[in-house]
Amino acid sequence: MTFEKDLQTRKSDTLKLYQLAKAEYLQNRTAENWRNFCDRKTDCMRLGVRIQQEERLFRRFDFGGLLY
């Protein structure tokens, strides 16, 4: 049970760090912020954290009824 709690805590902390890094990168697009953002995203992927679908909403376009 302790492992589960520790894992969930690590996941939530990692997601918060990812969100902060993303906001910082979007505010000030520098190479350092980009590296930090990518590192935090990699950390999320390694722990199996699911990143919200909000990023994909910006990528959807309607071309004659087909969504991309």
N, C-alpha and C. Protein backbone atom coordinates (compact mmCIF):
# COMPACT_ATOMS: atom_id res chain seq x y z
N MET A 1 0.82 -1.19 0.00
CA MET A 1 0.00 0.00 0.00
C MET A 1 0.86 1.26 0.00
N THR A 2 1.99 1.22 0.68
CA THR A 2 2.87 2.38 0.74
C THR A 2 3.43 2.70 -0.65
N PHE A 3 3.78 1.65 -1.40
CA PHE A 3 4.30 1.86 -2.75
C PHE A 3 3.27 2.57 -3.62
N GLU A 4 2.00 2.17 -3.51
CA GLU A 4 0.93 2.79 -4.30
C GLU A 4 0.80 4.28 -3.96
N LYS A 5 0.83 4.59 -2.68
CA LYS A 5 0.70 6.00 -2.28
C LYS A 5 1.91 6.81 -2.75
N ASP A 6 3.09 6.22 -2.63
CA ASP A 6 4.29 6.90 -3.06
C ASP A 6 4.26 7.14 -4.57
N LEU A 7 3.84 6.15 -5.32
CA LEU A 7 3.76 6.28 -6.77
C LEU A 7 2.76 7.35 -7.17
N GLN A 8 1.60 7.36 -6.54
CA GLN A 8 0.58 8.37 -6.85
C GLN A 8 1.07 9.77 -6.50
N THR A 9 1.79 9.89 -5.40
CA THR A 9 2.35 11.18 -5.00
C THR A 9 3.37 11.65 -6.03
N ARG A 10 4.25 10.75 -6.46
CA ARG A 10 5.25 11.09 -7.46
C ARG A 10 4.60 11.49 -8.78
N LYS A 11 3.53 10.78 -9.16
CA LYS A 11 2.83 11.11 -10.40
C LYS A 11 2.20 12.50 -10.33
N SER A 12 1.55 12.80 -9.24
CA SER A 12 0.90 14.11 -9.12
C SER A 12 1.93 15.23 -9.07
N ASP A 13 3.04 15.01 -8.37
CA ASP A 13 4.10 16.02 -8.33
C ASP A 13 4.72 16.24 -9.70
N THR A 14 4.93 15.14 -10.42
CA THR A 14 5.51 15.24 -11.76
C THR A 14 4.58 15.97 -12.71
N LEU A 15 3.29 15.71 -12.61
CA LEU A 15 2.32 16.40 -13.46
C LEU A 15 2.30 17.90 -13.17
N LYS A 16 2.38 18.27 -11.91
CA LYS A 16 2.41 19.69 -11.54
C LYS A 16 3.65 20.37 -12.10
N LEU A 17 4.80 19.69 -12.01
CA LEU A 17 6.03 20.25 -12.56
C LEU A 17 5.94 20.40 -14.07
N TYR A 18 5.30 19.43 -14.73
CA TYR A 18 5.10 19.51 -16.18
C TYR A 18 4.24 20.72 -16.53
N GLN A 19 3.16 20.91 -15.80
CA GLN A 19 2.26 22.02 -16.09
C GLN A 19 2.95 23.37 -15.87
N LEU A 20 3.79 23.46 -14.83
CA LEU A 20 4.54 24.70 -14.59
C LEU A 20 5.55 24.95 -15.71
N ALA A 21 6.24 23.89 -16.13
CA ALA A 21 7.23 24.03 -17.20
C ALA A 21 6.56 24.43 -18.51
N LYS A 22 5.39 23.87 -18.77
CA LYS A 22 4.66 24.21 -19.99
C LYS A 22 4.24 25.68 -19.97
N ALA A 23 3.69 26.12 -18.85
CA ALA A 23 3.26 27.52 -18.74
C ALA A 23 4.44 28.47 -18.89
N GLU A 24 5.56 28.11 -18.28
CA GLU A 24 6.75 28.94 -18.38
C GLU A 24 7.27 28.99 -19.81
N TYR A 25 7.25 27.86 -20.50
CA TYR A 25 7.71 27.84 -21.89
C TYR A 25 6.78 28.66 -22.79
N LEU A 26 5.47 28.53 -22.59
CA LEU A 26 4.54 29.27 -23.43
C LEU A 26 4.62 30.78 -23.19
N GLN A 27 5.03 31.15 -21.98
CA GLN A 27 5.17 32.56 -21.67
C GLN A 27 6.46 33.14 -22.25
N ASN A 28 7.53 32.36 -22.15
CA ASN A 28 8.84 32.85 -22.59
C ASN A 28 9.55 31.71 -23.32
N ARG A 29 9.48 31.73 -24.63
CA ARG A 29 10.00 30.62 -25.44
C ARG A 29 11.50 30.76 -25.65
N THR A 30 12.24 30.14 -24.73
CA THR A 30 13.69 30.10 -24.84
C THR A 30 14.12 28.64 -24.95
N ALA A 31 15.37 28.45 -25.34
CA ALA A 31 15.90 27.09 -25.46
C ALA A 31 15.93 26.39 -24.10
N GLU A 32 16.27 27.12 -23.07
CA GLU A 32 16.31 26.53 -21.72
C GLU A 32 14.93 26.09 -21.26
N ASN A 33 13.93 26.92 -21.51
CA ASN A 33 12.55 26.56 -21.14
C ASN A 33 12.06 25.37 -21.96
N TRP A 34 12.48 25.29 -23.22
CA TRP A 34 12.09 24.16 -24.07
C TRP A 34 12.68 22.86 -23.53
N ARG A 35 13.96 22.89 -23.15
CA ARG A 35 14.60 21.70 -22.59
C ARG A 35 13.93 21.27 -21.29
N ASN A 36 13.62 22.24 -20.45
CA ASN A 36 12.95 21.95 -19.18
C ASN A 36 11.57 21.33 -19.44
N PHE A 37 10.82 21.90 -20.38
CA PHE A 37 9.51 21.38 -20.73
C PHE A 37 9.61 19.94 -21.23
N CYS A 38 10.55 19.68 -22.12
CA CYS A 38 10.73 18.32 -22.66
C CYS A 38 11.15 17.34 -21.58
N ASP A 39 12.02 17.77 -20.68
CA ASP A 39 12.44 16.89 -19.58
C ASP A 39 11.26 16.53 -18.68
N ARG A 40 10.42 17.51 -18.37
CA ARG A 40 9.26 17.24 -17.51
C ARG A 40 8.27 16.32 -18.23
N LYS A 41 8.10 16.50 -19.53
CA LYS A 41 7.21 15.64 -20.30
C LYS A 41 7.74 14.21 -20.32
N THR A 42 9.04 14.06 -20.46
CA THR A 42 9.67 12.74 -20.43
C THR A 42 9.47 12.08 -19.06
N ASP A 43 9.60 12.86 -18.00
CA ASP A 43 9.37 12.32 -16.66
C ASP A 43 7.94 11.79 -16.52
N CYS A 44 6.98 12.53 -17.07
CA CYS A 44 5.59 12.09 -17.02
C CYS A 44 5.41 10.78 -17.79
N MET A 45 6.03 10.69 -18.94
CA MET A 45 5.90 9.48 -19.75
C MET A 45 6.52 8.28 -19.04
N ARG A 46 7.64 8.47 -18.38
CA ARG A 46 8.31 7.37 -17.67
C ARG A 46 7.48 6.84 -16.52
N LEU A 47 6.75 7.73 -15.85
CA LEU A 47 5.92 7.31 -14.72
C LEU A 47 4.53 6.85 -15.15
N GLY A 48 4.20 7.03 -16.41
CA GLY A 48 2.89 6.62 -16.89
C GLY A 48 1.80 7.63 -16.59
N VAL A 49 2.18 8.89 -16.45
CA VAL A 49 1.20 9.95 -16.19
C VAL A 49 0.52 10.30 -17.50
N ARG A 50 -0.77 10.32 -17.48
CA ARG A 50 -1.54 10.69 -18.67
C ARG A 50 -1.70 12.20 -18.68
N ILE A 51 -1.21 12.82 -19.74
CA ILE A 51 -1.32 14.26 -19.90
C ILE A 51 -2.69 14.54 -20.50
N GLN A 52 -3.36 15.55 -19.99
CA GLN A 52 -4.73 15.87 -20.39
C GLN A 52 -4.85 16.09 -21.88
N GLN A 53 -6.04 15.94 -22.39
CA GLN A 53 -6.32 16.04 -23.81
C GLN A 53 -6.35 17.48 -24.31
N GLU A 54 -6.15 18.45 -23.45
CA GLU A 54 -6.25 19.85 -23.86
C GLU A 54 -5.25 20.18 -24.97
N GLU A 55 -4.10 19.52 -24.99
CA GLU A 55 -3.12 19.78 -26.03
C GLU A 55 -3.64 19.34 -27.39
N ARG A 56 -4.35 18.25 -27.44
CA ARG A 56 -4.84 17.73 -28.69
C ARG A 56 -5.98 18.57 -29.27
N LEU A 57 -6.68 19.31 -28.44
CA LEU A 57 -7.79 20.13 -28.92
C LEU A 57 -7.30 21.18 -29.90
N PHE A 58 -6.09 21.66 -29.70
CA PHE A 58 -5.56 22.69 -30.58
C PHE A 58 -5.13 22.13 -31.92
N ARG A 59 -4.96 20.84 -32.02
CA ARG A 59 -4.49 20.21 -33.24
C ARG A 59 -5.62 19.70 -34.13
N ARG A 60 -6.84 19.80 -33.70
CA ARG A 60 -7.96 19.25 -34.47
C ARG A 60 -8.50 20.29 -35.43
N PHE A 61 -8.54 19.91 -36.68
CA PHE A 61 -9.07 20.80 -37.72
C PHE A 61 -10.14 20.03 -38.49
N ASP A 62 -11.09 20.73 -38.98
CA ASP A 62 -12.18 20.11 -39.74
C ASP A 62 -11.99 20.41 -41.23
N PHE A 63 -11.66 19.38 -41.99
CA PHE A 63 -11.47 19.51 -43.43
C PHE A 63 -12.57 18.71 -44.12
N GLY A 64 -13.67 19.36 -44.41
CA GLY A 64 -14.76 18.69 -45.12
C GLY A 64 -15.34 17.52 -44.37
N GLY A 65 -15.48 17.65 -43.05
CA GLY A 65 -16.06 16.58 -42.25
C GLY A 65 -15.04 15.62 -41.67
N LEU A 66 -13.78 15.72 -42.11
CA LEU A 66 -12.73 14.85 -41.57
C LEU A 66 -11.97 15.61 -40.50
N LEU A 67 -11.83 15.02 -39.36
CA LEU A 67 -11.10 15.64 -38.27
C LEU A 67 -9.67 15.15 -38.28
N TYR A 68 -8.75 16.08 -38.20
CA TYR A 68 -7.32 15.74 -38.12
C TYR A 68 -6.74 16.30 -36.86
